[in-house]
Amino acid sequence: MPQAVIVDVVRTPSGRGKPGGALSAVHPVDLVAGMLTALLDRSGLESRQIDDVLMGCVSQIGDQSLNVARQAVLAAGFDETVPAATIDRQCGSSQQAAHFAAQGVIAGAYDIVIAAGVESMSRVPLGSSAHGGTVSDGVARRYPDGLVNQGVSAELIAQRWGFSREELDAFSAESHRRAADAWTRGAFDSQVLPVLAGAADAVAFDETVRAGTTVESLSGLKPAFRTDALAARFPDLDWRITAGNSSPLTDAASAVLIMSEEKAAELGLTPRARFHSFAVVGDDPMMMLTGPIPATKRILERSGLGLDDLDAYEVNEAFASVPLAWQRELGADPAKLNGWGGAIALGHAVGASGTRLLGTLVAQLEASGGRYGLQAMCEGGGMANATIIERL
């Protein structure tokens, strides 16, 4: 059976996902097209050699409509014979794109494939694609009280696991500290590519990282998701999720070059890691964000590995309560968790975060000499993907 290997991973810096953000002037198609072009330039490949481009994107409307993956392939100047498809598994969209790409290689359907992701949350606000949508009768019958948004789910997780506001803010401040330290050490230099944003200078660093963040500076922020109606529905919630212990709205793109081990050898390219195991699960859509816990349990069972065999964990920081609950439930080593900071600092451009985390995981394993790494992401609607890679 062919082995699926990672040859290269690149990403843009993270821009704040609001008007005036560092990357808000860049069309999302052009943002991710630059990453596709970079993979070809860095590997010496011709676009005709790419069998497919699979791209994650959540809000597939407006500037991100019309199959944004195909639009990006054309904008990148790829040969018109290169196909592309856009995937929505909510926050795990580009991680799922990487799964499909690697599984296609393993199945023998692909020799070379690119998995990517993009989200311009300044130009296409989160939730835009749901505008005007209604809840089906079947869903309404099953959940008569109604489901909730992800912020409320993060509150429910904090309540269930008993995380205090101070614990959530301390985790968030540490995320910014680790991210700022990683940037200072040049840890991201090999994967983050500067982006020209209009007439401004090239954007070269993550705009979302705030090096001076402290628990004290976060403590004055008000709960972000409390409303009178929700407070009446959930009278026991303490409402401790704020903008400071949540991931910021973000503009970004990322891409990974995946191929068979045999093809890499034939082309004289050196694989950096291989895909070891995959898992995807559904979970409680009310809690919504607890999926990484059963996804991790499932992938460990399938892989034959134990948590202690893994040298690094990248668990997406949609909200601080999510990786904290994962860590506590599994007894994971906090030193191995999001060692270079997570989405609270680095940003969460939802369609692009999966392949961003994958790039960070590969680079961490290379820097530390570790062998195995785990990536897990919570996803809207109560789902999660998990991936184990092995450094080569």
Protein backbone atom coordinates (compact mmCIF):
# COMPACT_ATOMS: atom_id res chain seq x y z
CA MET A 1 0.00 0.00 0.00
CA PRO A 2 1.46 3.42 -0.91
CA GLN A 3 2.58 5.70 1.91
CA ALA A 4 1.29 9.30 1.88
CA VAL A 5 4.02 11.79 2.78
CA ILE A 6 4.21 15.51 3.45
CA VAL A 7 6.82 17.25 1.34
CA ASP A 8 6.14 20.88 2.23
CA VAL A 9 3.72 23.10 4.15
CA VAL A 10 3.31 26.86 3.83
CA ARG A 11 0.98 29.49 5.23
CA THR A 12 0.31 33.19 5.21
CA PRO A 13 0.65 35.28 8.33
CA SER A 14 -2.59 35.71 10.25
CA GLY A 15 -4.40 39.00 9.80
CA ARG A 16 -7.17 40.26 12.01
CA GLY A 17 -10.46 39.26 10.43
CA LYS A 18 -12.10 42.66 10.41
CA PRO A 19 -12.08 45.72 8.14
CA GLY A 20 -8.65 47.29 8.32
CA GLY A 21 -6.95 44.01 9.25
CA ALA A 22 -3.51 43.48 7.74
CA LEU A 23 -4.81 41.11 5.03
CA SER A 24 -8.32 42.46 4.60
CA ALA A 25 -7.43 44.12 1.27
CA VAL A 26 -6.44 40.77 -0.26
CA HIS A 27 -9.13 38.72 -2.01
CA PRO A 28 -9.26 35.24 -0.42
CA VAL A 29 -8.76 33.60 -3.82
CA ASP A 30 -5.51 35.51 -4.30
CA LEU A 31 -4.49 34.87 -0.69
CA VAL A 32 -4.53 31.10 -1.09
CA ALA A 33 -3.39 31.18 -4.73
CA GLY A 34 -0.09 32.58 -3.48
CA MET A 35 0.37 29.53 -1.28
CA LEU A 36 -0.33 27.16 -4.18
CA THR A 37 2.24 28.93 -6.33
CA ALA A 38 4.77 28.83 -3.49
CA LEU A 39 4.50 25.06 -3.17
CA LEU A 40 5.34 24.65 -6.85
CA ASP A 41 8.22 27.11 -6.66
CA ARG A 42 9.72 25.50 -3.57
CA SER A 43 9.44 21.95 -4.93
CA GLY A 44 10.32 22.61 -8.55
CA LEU A 45 7.09 20.99 -9.74
CA GLU A 46 4.99 21.95 -12.74
CA SER A 47 1.29 22.49 -12.12
CA ARG A 48 0.38 19.74 -14.62
CA GLN A 49 1.91 17.23 -12.19
CA ILE A 50 -0.74 18.00 -9.55
CA ASP A 51 -3.57 15.47 -9.69
CA ASP A 52 -6.01 17.50 -7.58
CA VAL A 53 -6.33 20.44 -5.20
CA LEU A 54 -8.61 19.94 -2.18
CA MET A 55 -9.35 23.06 -0.19
CA GLY A 56 -11.14 23.79 3.05
CA CYS A 57 -13.40 26.83 3.36
CA VAL A 58 -16.34 27.34 5.72
CA SER A 59 -18.23 30.42 4.51
CA GLN A 60 -18.63 29.53 0.83
CA ILE A 61 -20.44 32.68 -0.22
CA GLY A 62 -19.48 36.05 -1.68
CA ASP A 63 -15.73 36.25 -2.34
CA GLN A 64 -15.43 32.60 -1.29
CA SER A 65 -18.14 31.22 -3.58
CA LEU A 66 -18.01 29.56 -7.02
CA ASN A 67 -15.82 26.69 -5.73
CA VAL A 68 -13.07 28.83 -4.21
CA ALA A 69 -10.57 25.99 -4.72
CA ARG A 70 -11.01 26.05 -8.49
CA GLN A 71 -10.89 29.83 -8.52
CA ALA A 72 -7.59 29.72 -6.61
CA VAL A 73 -6.10 27.15 -9.01
CA LEU A 74 -6.90 29.45 -11.93
CA ALA A 75 -5.66 32.56 -10.11
CA ALA A 76 -2.40 30.77 -9.31
CA GLY A 77 -1.78 30.22 -12.99
CA PHE A 78 -2.06 26.45 -12.76
CA ASP A 79 -2.71 24.56 -15.94
CA GLU A 80 -6.43 24.47 -16.70
CA THR A 81 -6.32 20.66 -16.55
CA VAL A 82 -5.79 20.72 -12.76
CA PRO A 83 -9.11 20.10 -10.95
CA ALA A 84 -10.10 21.36 -7.51
CA ALA A 85 -12.82 20.91 -4.91
CA THR A 86 -13.89 22.88 -1.84
CA ILE A 87 -14.65 21.09 1.43
CA ASP A 88 -16.69 22.18 4.45
CA ARG A 89 -16.25 20.27 7.69
CA GLN A 90 -16.50 23.51 9.61
CA CYS A 91 -13.30 24.37 11.55
CA GLY A 92 -11.69 21.11 10.44
CA SER A 93 -12.25 21.75 6.73
CA SER A 94 -8.62 21.86 5.64
CA GLN A 95 -7.65 19.05 8.02
CA GLN A 96 -10.32 16.99 6.27
CA ALA A 97 -8.89 18.14 2.93
CA ALA A 98 -5.51 16.76 4.04
CA HIS A 99 -7.19 13.49 5.09
CA PHE A 100 -8.90 13.10 1.73
CA ALA A 101 -5.68 13.97 -0.09
CA ALA A 102 -3.57 11.49 1.85
CA GLN A 103 -6.22 8.78 1.68
CA GLY A 104 -6.38 9.30 -2.09
CA VAL A 105 -2.64 8.72 -2.29
CA ILE A 106 -2.87 5.61 -0.12
CA ALA A 107 -5.72 4.30 -2.28
CA GLY A 108 -3.67 4.85 -5.43
CA ALA A 109 -6.01 7.52 -6.82
CA TYR A 110 -3.39 10.29 -6.60
CA ASP A 111 0.37 10.58 -7.01
CA ILE A 112 0.62 14.26 -6.07
CA VAL A 113 -2.09 16.37 -4.47
CA ILE A 114 -2.33 19.68 -2.64
CA ALA A 115 -4.52 20.14 0.44
CA ALA A 116 -5.17 23.74 1.39
CA GLY A 117 -7.48 26.08 3.24
CA VAL A 118 -8.57 29.69 3.21
CA GLU A 119 -10.85 32.03 5.12
CA SER A 120 -11.10 35.80 4.86
CA MET A 121 -13.28 36.58 7.83
CA SER A 122 -12.95 40.33 7.24
CA ARG A 123 -14.47 40.05 3.76
CA VAL A 124 -16.80 37.10 4.36
CA PRO A 125 -17.93 37.26 8.00
CA LEU A 126 -18.39 34.03 9.92
CA GLY A 127 -21.97 32.85 9.54
CA SER A 128 -22.53 34.62 6.22
CA SER A 129 -23.34 31.37 4.46
CA ALA A 130 -26.11 30.66 6.97
CA HIS A 131 -27.89 33.96 6.35
CA GLY A 132 -31.55 33.35 5.70
CA GLY A 133 -31.32 29.66 6.52
CA THR A 134 -33.95 27.94 8.64
CA VAL A 135 -33.89 24.93 10.95
CA SER A 136 -35.47 21.83 9.45
CA ASP A 137 -38.51 20.25 11.05
CA GLY A 138 -36.52 17.10 11.75
CA VAL A 139 -33.77 18.92 13.63
CA ALA A 140 -36.31 21.01 15.51
CA ARG A 141 -38.16 17.87 16.64
CA ARG A 142 -34.93 16.25 17.80
CA TYR A 143 -33.68 19.37 19.63
CA PRO A 144 -36.88 21.20 20.63
CA ASP A 145 -35.04 23.69 22.85
CA GLY A 146 -32.73 24.59 19.98
CA LEU A 147 -28.98 24.22 19.59
CA VAL A 148 -26.57 26.99 20.55
CA ASN A 149 -23.62 28.85 19.05
CA GLN A 150 -20.04 27.76 19.68
CA GLY A 151 -19.43 30.41 22.33
CA VAL A 152 -22.22 28.99 24.48
CA SER A 153 -20.84 25.49 23.90
CA ALA A 154 -17.46 26.72 25.15
CA GLU A 155 -19.25 28.05 28.24
CA LEU A 156 -20.94 24.68 28.80
CA ILE A 157 -17.55 22.93 28.57
CA ALA A 158 -15.99 25.35 31.05
CA GLN A 159 -18.89 24.70 33.41
CA ARG A 160 -18.77 20.90 33.08
CA TRP A 161 -15.02 20.66 33.69
CA GLY A 162 -15.02 23.39 36.32
CA PHE A 163 -12.56 25.81 34.71
CA SER A 164 -12.39 29.17 36.42
CA ARG A 165 -12.12 32.45 34.55
CA GLU A 166 -8.54 32.77 35.83
CA GLU A 167 -7.60 29.31 34.46
CA LEU A 168 -9.03 30.18 31.05
CA ASP A 169 -7.24 33.52 30.96
CA ALA A 170 -3.97 31.97 32.16
CA PHE A 171 -4.09 29.42 29.34
CA SER A 172 -4.73 32.23 26.86
CA ALA A 173 -1.89 34.39 28.12
CA GLU A 174 0.45 31.39 27.85
CA SER A 175 -0.67 30.83 24.26
CA HIS A 176 0.41 34.38 23.39
CA ARG A 177 3.69 33.96 25.30
CA ARG A 178 4.54 30.72 23.48
CA ALA A 179 3.62 32.16 20.08
CA ALA A 180 5.66 35.32 20.64
CA ASP A 181 8.62 33.23 21.78
CA ALA A 182 8.35 30.99 18.72
CA TRP A 183 8.37 34.03 16.44
CA THR A 184 11.36 35.49 18.27
CA ARG A 185 13.26 32.21 17.83
CA GLY A 186 12.44 32.11 14.11
CA ALA A 187 10.41 28.91 14.53
CA PHE A 188 7.85 29.98 11.91
CA ASP A 189 10.30 31.38 9.39
CA SER A 190 10.38 28.32 7.13
CA GLN A 191 6.61 28.08 6.73
CA VAL A 192 5.19 31.62 6.90
CA LEU A 193 5.44 33.50 3.59
CA PRO A 194 5.06 37.30 3.44
CA VAL A 195 1.99 38.60 1.63
CA LEU A 196 1.73 41.87 -0.29
CA ALA A 197 -1.44 43.60 0.87
CA GLY A 198 -2.28 46.40 -1.53
CA ALA A 199 -0.01 49.41 -1.37
CA ALA A 200 1.16 48.52 2.13
CA ASP A 201 4.40 46.79 2.93
CA ALA A 202 4.41 43.01 2.89
CA VAL A 203 2.69 41.41 5.88
CA ALA A 204 5.26 39.04 7.38
CA PHE A 205 4.12 38.31 10.93
CA ASP A 206 0.95 37.13 12.67
CA GLU A 207 -1.01 40.27 13.47
CA THR A 208 -3.01 38.36 16.08
CA VAL A 209 -0.12 37.65 18.48
CA ARG A 210 0.00 40.02 21.48
CA ALA A 211 3.29 39.43 23.27
CA GLY A 212 2.36 41.48 26.32
CA THR A 213 -0.85 39.61 27.14
CA THR A 214 -1.26 38.81 30.85
CA VAL A 215 -3.97 37.36 33.04
CA GLU A 216 -4.43 40.83 34.48
CA SER A 217 -4.93 42.44 31.07
CA LEU A 218 -7.49 39.77 30.15
CA SER A 219 -9.38 39.96 33.44
CA GLY A 220 -11.19 43.17 32.54
CA LEU A 221 -12.87 41.76 29.44
CA LYS A 222 -16.58 41.08 29.62
CA PRO A 223 -18.24 37.76 28.64
CA ALA A 224 -18.69 37.73 24.89
CA PHE A 225 -21.68 35.44 24.44
CA ARG A 226 -24.06 36.21 27.31
CA THR A 227 -27.48 37.57 26.39
CA ASP A 228 -30.52 37.95 28.60
CA ALA A 229 -32.31 35.16 26.72
CA LEU A 230 -29.36 32.77 27.05
CA ALA A 231 -28.86 33.66 30.69
CA ALA A 232 -32.49 32.73 31.32
CA ARG A 233 -32.05 29.45 29.44
CA PHE A 234 -28.81 28.55 31.24
CA PRO A 235 -29.18 30.06 34.71
CA ASP A 236 -26.28 28.06 36.16
CA LEU A 237 -23.63 29.37 33.74
CA ASP A 238 -21.09 31.79 35.17
CA TRP A 239 -20.34 33.26 31.71
CA ARG A 240 -16.56 33.29 31.63
CA ILE A 241 -15.77 33.04 27.89
CA THR A 242 -14.46 36.37 26.57
CA ALA A 243 -12.78 37.68 23.43
CA GLY A 244 -9.50 37.20 25.27
CA ASN A 245 -9.85 33.47 25.90
CA SER A 246 -11.36 32.81 22.47
CA SER A 247 -9.62 32.62 19.09
CA PRO A 248 -9.87 35.86 17.11
CA LEU A 249 -11.59 36.23 13.76
CA THR A 250 -8.78 35.85 11.23
CA ASP A 251 -7.77 36.14 7.59
CA ALA A 252 -5.28 33.49 6.42
CA ALA A 253 -4.48 30.68 4.00
CA SER A 254 -2.31 27.57 4.19
CA ALA A 255 -1.37 24.66 1.93
CA VAL A 256 0.43 21.31 2.11
CA LEU A 257 2.08 19.29 -0.66
CA ILE A 258 1.25 15.59 -0.32
CA MET A 259 2.42 12.72 -2.50
CA SER A 260 3.30 9.05 -2.45
CA GLU A 261 6.66 8.11 -1.00
CA GLU A 262 7.56 6.49 -4.33
CA LYS A 263 6.75 9.66 -6.29
CA ALA A 264 8.82 11.78 -3.91
CA ALA A 265 11.80 9.46 -4.42
CA GLU A 266 11.31 9.53 -8.18
CA LEU A 267 11.33 13.35 -8.15
CA GLY A 268 14.26 13.62 -5.77
CA LEU A 269 12.16 15.33 -3.09
CA THR A 270 12.72 14.68 0.60
CA PRO A 271 9.55 13.89 2.59
CA ARG A 272 9.30 15.61 5.95
CA ALA A 273 6.64 13.38 7.52
CA ARG A 274 4.15 10.66 6.68
CA PHE A 275 0.51 10.26 7.57
CA HIS A 276 0.26 7.49 10.15
CA SER A 277 -3.42 7.38 11.20
CA PHE A 278 -6.74 9.17 10.68
CA ALA A 279 -9.99 9.49 12.62
CA VAL A 280 -13.17 11.51 12.37
CA VAL A 281 -16.08 11.41 14.82
CA GLY A 282 -19.44 12.94 15.56
CA ASP A 283 -20.25 14.10 19.09
CA ASP A 284 -22.89 15.96 21.13
CA PRO A 285 -23.96 18.97 18.99
CA MET A 286 -24.96 20.94 22.08
CA MET A 287 -21.54 20.68 23.75
CA MET A 288 -20.30 20.77 20.14
CA LEU A 289 -16.58 21.27 20.85
CA THR A 290 -15.76 18.15 22.87
CA GLY A 291 -15.19 16.02 19.75
CA PRO A 292 -11.36 16.03 20.03
CA ILE A 293 -11.67 13.80 23.10
CA PRO A 294 -13.40 10.81 21.42
CA ALA A 295 -11.48 11.50 18.19
CA THR A 296 -8.19 11.14 20.06
CA LYS A 297 -9.35 7.96 21.78
CA ARG A 298 -10.39 6.50 18.44
CA ILE A 299 -7.16 7.35 16.64
CA LEU A 300 -5.03 5.96 19.46
CA GLU A 301 -6.96 2.70 19.25
CA ARG A 302 -6.48 2.55 15.48
CA SER A 303 -2.82 3.52 15.52
CA GLY A 304 -1.72 1.17 18.29
CA LEU A 305 0.03 4.12 19.96
CA GLY A 306 -0.43 5.51 23.43
CA LEU A 307 -0.60 9.19 24.34
CA ASP A 308 2.89 8.94 25.84
CA ASP A 309 4.24 7.77 22.47
CA LEU A 310 3.34 11.15 20.99
CA ASP A 311 5.90 13.95 21.15
CA ALA A 312 3.62 16.90 20.38
CA TYR A 313 -0.10 17.63 20.40
CA GLU A 314 -1.79 20.36 18.36
CA VAL A 315 -5.36 20.70 19.66
CA ASN A 316 -7.07 23.71 18.15
CA GLU A 317 -7.69 26.56 20.56
CA ALA A 318 -11.10 27.64 19.33
CA PHE A 319 -11.70 28.59 22.97
CA ALA A 320 -9.43 27.99 25.96
CA SER A 321 -11.91 25.55 27.49
CA VAL A 322 -11.57 23.15 24.52
CA PRO A 323 -7.89 22.09 24.81
CA LEU A 324 -8.09 22.36 28.60
CA ALA A 325 -10.96 19.84 28.70
CA TRP A 326 -9.07 17.59 26.23
CA GLN A 327 -5.94 17.75 28.36
CA ARG A 328 -7.74 17.02 31.62
CA GLU A 329 -9.89 14.21 30.22
CA LEU A 330 -6.93 12.39 28.65
CA GLY A 331 -4.29 13.22 31.24
CA ALA A 332 -2.08 14.77 28.55
CA ASP A 333 1.24 16.49 29.26
CA PRO A 334 0.60 20.27 29.12
CA ALA A 335 4.19 20.88 28.00
CA LYS A 336 3.48 18.98 24.75
CA LEU A 337 0.22 20.81 24.07
CA ASN A 338 0.40 23.63 21.50
CA GLY A 339 4.04 24.26 22.26
CA TRP A 340 4.35 27.20 19.86
CA GLY A 341 1.06 28.78 20.88
CA GLY A 342 -2.35 28.06 19.43
CA ALA A 343 -5.27 29.74 17.72
CA ILE A 344 -5.93 32.11 20.62
CA ALA A 345 -2.66 33.81 19.64
CA LEU A 346 -1.99 32.65 16.08
CA GLY A 347 -5.56 33.15 14.87
CA HIS A 348 -8.28 30.85 13.63
CA ALA A 349 -9.12 31.45 9.97
CA VAL A 350 -11.57 28.59 10.18
CA GLY A 351 -11.15 27.09 6.69
CA ALA A 352 -7.36 27.40 6.83
CA SER A 353 -6.63 26.29 10.39
CA GLY A 354 -6.38 22.56 9.70
CA THR A 355 -3.43 22.80 7.34
CA ARG A 356 -1.92 25.59 9.47
CA LEU A 357 -1.84 23.30 12.49
CA LEU A 358 -0.41 20.51 10.35
CA GLY A 359 2.49 22.74 9.30
CA THR A 360 3.17 23.77 12.88
CA LEU A 361 3.12 20.13 13.98
CA VAL A 362 5.62 19.05 11.31
CA ALA A 363 7.96 21.92 12.18
CA GLN A 364 7.74 21.20 15.92
CA LEU A 365 8.67 17.56 15.43
CA GLU A 366 11.62 18.57 13.27
CA ALA A 367 12.81 21.15 15.79
CA SER A 368 12.54 18.78 18.77
CA GLY A 369 13.60 15.56 17.06
CA GLY A 370 10.26 14.01 18.03
CA ARG A 371 8.77 11.16 16.06
CA TYR A 372 4.97 11.20 16.38
CA GLY A 373 2.57 14.14 16.55
CA LEU A 374 -1.20 14.42 17.01
CA GLN A 375 -3.52 17.05 15.54
CA ALA A 376 -7.15 17.32 16.67
CA MET A 377 -9.79 19.93 15.90
CA CYS A 378 -13.28 20.56 17.22
CA GLU A 379 -15.86 21.36 14.55
CA GLY A 380 -19.24 23.03 14.32
CA GLY A 381 -22.22 20.74 14.72
CA GLY A 382 -20.34 18.44 17.11
CA MET A 383 -17.59 16.73 15.10
CA ALA A 384 -13.81 16.37 15.20
CA ASN A 385 -10.91 15.19 13.07
CA ALA A 386 -7.71 13.66 14.43
CA THR A 387 -4.47 12.99 12.57
CA ILE A 388 -1.23 11.30 13.65
CA ILE A 389 1.88 12.01 11.62
CA GLU A 390 5.36 10.50 11.85
CA ARG A 391 8.43 12.63 11.21
CA LEU A 392 10.77 11.19 8.62
